[in-house]
Amino acid sequence: MVLGTLSVEAIYQDRDQFAQLVREVAAPDVGRMGIEILSFTIKDVYDSVEYLESLGRAQTANVKRDADIGVAEANRDAGIRVRQVLITYHFCLYCFCSTIDCQLI
């Protein structure tokens, strides 16, 4: 029995592994009937209580959360870099003006 060897999440997330296990289990049985499995496709995996659909929603939420965090961190890092450049600019401007005795308006 294939379903007893994998978790529901594993079947949903790794259909190739599930297909390989189905092939391994089914091939000997159908072989005794003179049938050889050349190929097959798992079209869909579903349930009647929408557990698998909720797994997909959770994964989507996690990906979105990670993307939002990445954007926030990139914005923070860009802001830090802008401030560093402005500090350097003002320091250089101060040094320049103090050496030639200029006045900025």
N, C-alpha and C. Protein backbone atom coordinates (compact mmCIF):
# COMPACT_ATOMS: atom_id res chain seq x y z
N MET A 1 0.84 -1.17 0.00
CA MET A 1 0.00 0.00 0.00
C MET A 1 0.88 1.24 0.00
N VAL A 2 0.69 2.08 -0.96
CA VAL A 2 1.52 3.27 -1.13
C VAL A 2 1.10 4.38 -0.18
N LEU A 3 -0.18 4.61 -0.03
CA LEU A 3 -0.65 5.73 0.78
C LEU A 3 -0.20 5.63 2.23
N GLY A 4 -0.02 4.45 2.74
CA GLY A 4 0.40 4.28 4.12
C GLY A 4 1.86 4.59 4.35
N THR A 5 2.66 4.70 3.28
CA THR A 5 4.09 4.94 3.43
C THR A 5 4.45 6.42 3.34
N LEU A 6 3.53 7.26 2.87
CA LEU A 6 3.82 8.68 2.73
C LEU A 6 2.79 9.51 3.51
N SER A 7 3.22 10.66 3.99
CA SER A 7 2.27 11.57 4.61
C SER A 7 1.45 12.25 3.52
N VAL A 8 0.33 12.82 3.92
CA VAL A 8 -0.51 13.54 2.98
C VAL A 8 0.28 14.69 2.36
N GLU A 9 1.07 15.37 3.17
CA GLU A 9 1.87 16.49 2.68
C GLU A 9 2.90 16.02 1.65
N ALA A 10 3.53 14.87 1.90
CA ALA A 10 4.53 14.34 0.97
C ALA A 10 3.90 13.98 -0.37
N ILE A 11 2.73 13.39 -0.33
CA ILE A 11 2.03 13.04 -1.58
C ILE A 11 1.70 14.31 -2.35
N TYR A 12 1.23 15.32 -1.65
CA TYR A 12 0.82 16.57 -2.30
C TYR A 12 2.02 17.33 -2.85
N GLN A 13 3.13 17.35 -2.11
CA GLN A 13 4.27 18.17 -2.48
C GLN A 13 5.24 17.47 -3.42
N ASP A 14 5.34 16.15 -3.36
CA ASP A 14 6.32 15.42 -4.19
C ASP A 14 5.60 14.34 -4.99
N ARG A 15 4.95 14.76 -6.04
CA ARG A 15 4.18 13.82 -6.85
C ARG A 15 5.06 12.84 -7.61
N ASP A 16 6.29 13.25 -7.91
CA ASP A 16 7.20 12.32 -8.58
C ASP A 16 7.54 11.13 -7.69
N GLN A 17 7.81 11.39 -6.42
CA GLN A 17 8.09 10.30 -5.49
C GLN A 17 6.86 9.40 -5.34
N PHE A 18 5.69 10.02 -5.24
CA PHE A 18 4.45 9.26 -5.12
C PHE A 18 4.25 8.39 -6.37
N ALA A 19 4.48 8.95 -7.54
CA ALA A 19 4.33 8.19 -8.79
C ALA A 19 5.31 7.02 -8.83
N GLN A 20 6.55 7.26 -8.38
CA GLN A 20 7.54 6.18 -8.37
C GLN A 20 7.10 5.04 -7.45
N LEU A 21 6.58 5.39 -6.29
CA LEU A 21 6.11 4.35 -5.37
C LEU A 21 4.92 3.59 -5.95
N VAL A 22 4.00 4.30 -6.60
CA VAL A 22 2.86 3.64 -7.23
C VAL A 22 3.36 2.66 -8.29
N ARG A 23 4.32 3.10 -9.09
CA ARG A 23 4.88 2.22 -10.13
C ARG A 23 5.51 0.98 -9.51
N GLU A 24 6.30 1.18 -8.45
CA GLU A 24 6.98 0.04 -7.81
C GLU A 24 5.98 -0.96 -7.24
N VAL A 25 4.89 -0.47 -6.68
CA VAL A 25 3.91 -1.35 -6.07
C VAL A 25 3.03 -2.01 -7.13
N ALA A 26 2.64 -1.27 -8.14
CA ALA A 26 1.70 -1.78 -9.13
C ALA A 26 2.35 -2.65 -10.20
N ALA A 27 3.59 -2.39 -10.56
CA ALA A 27 4.24 -3.10 -11.67
C ALA A 27 4.22 -4.62 -11.49
N PRO A 28 4.58 -5.16 -10.34
CA PRO A 28 4.54 -6.62 -10.21
C PRO A 28 3.13 -7.21 -10.37
N ASP A 29 2.14 -6.52 -9.81
CA ASP A 29 0.76 -7.03 -9.90
C ASP A 29 0.26 -7.04 -11.34
N VAL A 30 0.44 -5.94 -12.03
CA VAL A 30 -0.05 -5.91 -13.42
C VAL A 30 0.86 -6.74 -14.32
N GLY A 31 2.11 -6.93 -13.93
CA GLY A 31 3.03 -7.78 -14.70
C GLY A 31 2.57 -9.23 -14.70
N ARG A 32 2.01 -9.68 -13.58
CA ARG A 32 1.49 -11.05 -13.53
C ARG A 32 0.30 -11.24 -14.46
N MET A 33 -0.33 -10.13 -14.84
CA MET A 33 -1.45 -10.21 -15.79
C MET A 33 -0.97 -10.01 -17.22
N GLY A 34 0.34 -9.88 -17.40
CA GLY A 34 0.89 -9.69 -18.73
C GLY A 34 0.88 -8.25 -19.20
N ILE A 35 0.73 -7.32 -18.28
CA ILE A 35 0.67 -5.90 -18.62
C ILE A 35 1.93 -5.23 -18.08
N GLU A 36 2.51 -4.37 -18.92
CA GLU A 36 3.69 -3.63 -18.50
C GLU A 36 3.33 -2.14 -18.42
N ILE A 37 3.70 -1.49 -17.35
CA ILE A 37 3.45 -0.06 -17.21
C ILE A 37 4.59 0.67 -17.91
N LEU A 38 4.25 1.34 -19.00
CA LEU A 38 5.24 2.12 -19.72
C LEU A 38 5.30 3.54 -19.18
N SER A 39 4.15 4.11 -18.97
CA SER A 39 4.10 5.45 -18.38
C SER A 39 2.70 5.69 -17.82
N PHE A 40 2.62 6.61 -16.90
CA PHE A 40 1.33 7.05 -16.38
C PHE A 40 1.52 8.43 -15.78
N THR A 41 0.43 9.13 -15.63
CA THR A 41 0.47 10.49 -15.09
C THR A 41 -0.53 10.60 -13.95
N ILE A 42 -0.10 11.20 -12.88
CA ILE A 42 -1.01 11.52 -11.79
C ILE A 42 -1.60 12.88 -12.13
N LYS A 43 -2.86 12.87 -12.46
CA LYS A 43 -3.52 14.09 -12.92
C LYS A 43 -3.79 15.07 -11.79
N ASP A 44 -4.26 14.56 -10.67
CA ASP A 44 -4.59 15.46 -9.58
C ASP A 44 -4.59 14.69 -8.27
N VAL A 45 -4.33 15.38 -7.21
CA VAL A 45 -4.43 14.83 -5.86
C VAL A 45 -5.37 15.77 -5.11
N TYR A 46 -6.46 15.24 -4.59
CA TYR A 46 -7.45 16.09 -3.91
C TYR A 46 -8.11 15.31 -2.79
N ASP A 47 -8.80 16.06 -1.95
CA ASP A 47 -9.55 15.44 -0.86
C ASP A 47 -10.87 16.16 -0.72
N SER A 48 -11.77 15.57 0.02
CA SER A 48 -13.12 16.14 0.13
C SER A 48 -13.26 17.17 1.25
N VAL A 49 -12.27 17.29 2.12
CA VAL A 49 -12.37 18.25 3.22
C VAL A 49 -11.46 19.46 3.01
N GLU A 50 -10.88 19.61 1.84
CA GLU A 50 -10.05 20.75 1.44
C GLU A 50 -8.79 20.92 2.29
N TYR A 51 -8.29 19.82 2.84
CA TYR A 51 -7.05 19.88 3.61
C TYR A 51 -5.89 20.26 2.70
N LEU A 52 -5.81 19.64 1.53
CA LEU A 52 -4.71 19.92 0.61
C LEU A 52 -4.76 21.36 0.11
N GLU A 53 -5.96 21.87 -0.12
CA GLU A 53 -6.09 23.26 -0.56
C GLU A 53 -5.58 24.21 0.53
N SER A 54 -5.87 23.87 1.78
CA SER A 54 -5.39 24.73 2.87
C SER A 54 -3.87 24.68 2.99
N LEU A 55 -3.26 23.52 2.67
CA LEU A 55 -1.80 23.45 2.65
C LEU A 55 -1.24 24.42 1.62
N GLY A 56 -1.85 24.45 0.46
CA GLY A 56 -1.41 25.37 -0.59
C GLY A 56 -1.53 26.82 -0.17
N ARG A 57 -2.62 27.15 0.51
CA ARG A 57 -2.79 28.52 0.98
C ARG A 57 -1.72 28.88 2.01
N ALA A 58 -1.40 27.94 2.88
CA ALA A 58 -0.36 28.20 3.88
C ALA A 58 0.99 28.42 3.22
N GLN A 59 1.31 27.61 2.22
CA GLN A 59 2.58 27.78 1.51
C GLN A 59 2.62 29.11 0.78
N THR A 60 1.52 29.49 0.16
CA THR A 60 1.45 30.78 -0.53
C THR A 60 1.64 31.93 0.45
N ALA A 61 1.02 31.83 1.61
CA ALA A 61 1.16 32.87 2.63
C ALA A 61 2.61 32.97 3.10
N ASN A 62 3.28 31.83 3.27
CA ASN A 62 4.68 31.84 3.69
C ASN A 62 5.57 32.49 2.64
N VAL A 63 5.34 32.18 1.38
CA VAL A 63 6.14 32.76 0.30
C VAL A 63 5.92 34.27 0.25
N LYS A 64 4.67 34.69 0.38
CA LYS A 64 4.36 36.13 0.35
C LYS A 64 5.01 36.83 1.54
N ARG A 65 4.93 36.22 2.71
CA ARG A 65 5.55 36.81 3.90
C ARG A 65 7.05 36.96 3.71
N ASP A 66 7.70 35.92 3.18
CA ASP A 66 9.15 35.98 2.95
C ASP A 66 9.50 37.06 1.94
N ALA A 67 8.67 37.21 0.90
CA ALA A 67 8.92 38.26 -0.09
C ALA A 67 8.77 39.64 0.53
N ASP A 68 7.74 39.81 1.34
CA ASP A 68 7.53 41.10 2.02
C ASP A 68 8.71 41.44 2.93
N ILE A 69 9.20 40.45 3.64
CA ILE A 69 10.37 40.66 4.51
C ILE A 69 11.58 41.04 3.68
N GLY A 70 11.78 40.37 2.55
CA GLY A 70 12.91 40.69 1.68
C GLY A 70 12.84 42.11 1.15
N VAL A 71 11.66 42.55 0.76
CA VAL A 71 11.49 43.93 0.27
C VAL A 71 11.78 44.92 1.40
N ALA A 72 11.25 44.65 2.57
CA ALA A 72 11.47 45.56 3.71
C ALA A 72 12.96 45.64 4.06
N GLU A 73 13.65 44.52 4.04
CA GLU A 73 15.09 44.53 4.35
C GLU A 73 15.87 45.27 3.27
N ALA A 74 15.50 45.09 2.01
CA ALA A 74 16.19 45.80 0.93
C ALA A 74 15.96 47.30 1.05
N ASN A 75 14.73 47.71 1.37
CA ASN A 75 14.46 49.14 1.55
C ASN A 75 15.25 49.71 2.73
N ARG A 76 15.31 48.95 3.81
CA ARG A 76 16.09 49.38 4.98
C ARG A 76 17.56 49.55 4.61
N ASP A 77 18.13 48.56 3.92
CA ASP A 77 19.54 48.61 3.54
C ASP A 77 19.82 49.77 2.59
N ALA A 78 18.89 50.03 1.67
CA ALA A 78 19.06 51.15 0.75
C ALA A 78 19.03 52.47 1.51
N GLY A 79 18.12 52.59 2.47
CA GLY A 79 18.06 53.81 3.28
C GLY A 79 19.33 54.04 4.07
N ILE A 80 19.88 52.97 4.62
CA ILE A 80 21.14 53.07 5.37
C ILE A 80 22.25 53.55 4.45
N ARG A 81 22.31 52.99 3.26
CA ARG A 81 23.37 53.36 2.31
C ARG A 81 23.22 54.82 1.88
N VAL A 82 21.99 55.27 1.64
CA VAL A 82 21.76 56.67 1.27
C VAL A 82 22.24 57.58 2.39
N ARG A 83 21.93 57.24 3.63
CA ARG A 83 22.38 58.06 4.76
C ARG A 83 23.91 58.09 4.84
N GLN A 84 24.55 56.97 4.60
CA GLN A 84 26.02 56.93 4.64
C GLN A 84 26.62 57.84 3.56
N VAL A 85 26.03 57.79 2.37
CA VAL A 85 26.51 58.64 1.28
C VAL A 85 26.32 60.11 1.62
N LEU A 86 25.16 60.45 2.18
CA LEU A 86 24.90 61.85 2.55
C LEU A 86 25.86 62.34 3.62
N ILE A 87 26.16 61.50 4.58
CA ILE A 87 27.12 61.87 5.63
C ILE A 87 28.48 62.13 5.01
N THR A 88 28.92 61.25 4.12
CA THR A 88 30.21 61.42 3.45
C THR A 88 30.22 62.70 2.62
N TYR A 89 29.12 62.95 1.90
CA TYR A 89 29.01 64.14 1.07
C TYR A 89 29.13 65.40 1.92
N HIS A 90 28.38 65.44 3.01
CA HIS A 90 28.42 66.63 3.87
C HIS A 90 29.80 66.80 4.52
N PHE A 91 30.43 65.72 4.88
CA PHE A 91 31.77 65.82 5.45
C PHE A 91 32.75 66.38 4.42
N CYS A 92 32.67 65.86 3.20
CA CYS A 92 33.57 66.35 2.13
C CYS A 92 33.28 67.82 1.82
N LEU A 93 32.02 68.18 1.79
CA LEU A 93 31.65 69.56 1.54
C LEU A 93 32.18 70.47 2.64
N TYR A 94 32.06 70.03 3.87
CA TYR A 94 32.59 70.80 5.01
C TYR A 94 34.09 70.97 4.88
N CYS A 95 34.79 69.88 4.58
CA CYS A 95 36.25 69.95 4.45
C CYS A 95 36.64 70.89 3.31
N PHE A 96 35.95 70.80 2.20
CA PHE A 96 36.25 71.64 1.04
C PHE A 96 36.03 73.11 1.37
N CYS A 97 34.88 73.40 1.97
CA CYS A 97 34.56 74.79 2.29
C CYS A 97 35.49 75.36 3.35
N SER A 98 35.89 74.55 4.28
CA SER A 98 36.78 75.06 5.34
C SER A 98 38.18 75.32 4.80
N THR A 99 38.59 74.68 3.72
CA THR A 99 39.92 74.91 3.16
C THR A 99 39.96 76.12 2.26
N ILE A 100 38.86 76.51 1.67
CA ILE A 100 38.86 77.69 0.78
C ILE A 100 38.04 78.83 1.36
N ASP A 101 37.58 78.69 2.59
CA ASP A 101 36.82 79.72 3.27
C ASP A 101 35.62 80.19 2.45
N CYS A 102 34.80 79.22 2.04
CA CYS A 102 33.61 79.58 1.27
C CYS A 102 32.40 79.58 2.16
N GLN A 103 31.37 80.22 1.68
CA GLN A 103 30.11 80.24 2.42
C GLN A 103 29.03 79.71 1.52
N LEU A 104 28.28 78.75 2.05
CA LEU A 104 27.17 78.18 1.27
C LEU A 104 25.90 78.93 1.58
N ILE A 105 25.12 79.16 0.59
CA ILE A 105 23.85 79.85 0.79
C ILE A 105 22.77 78.82 0.97
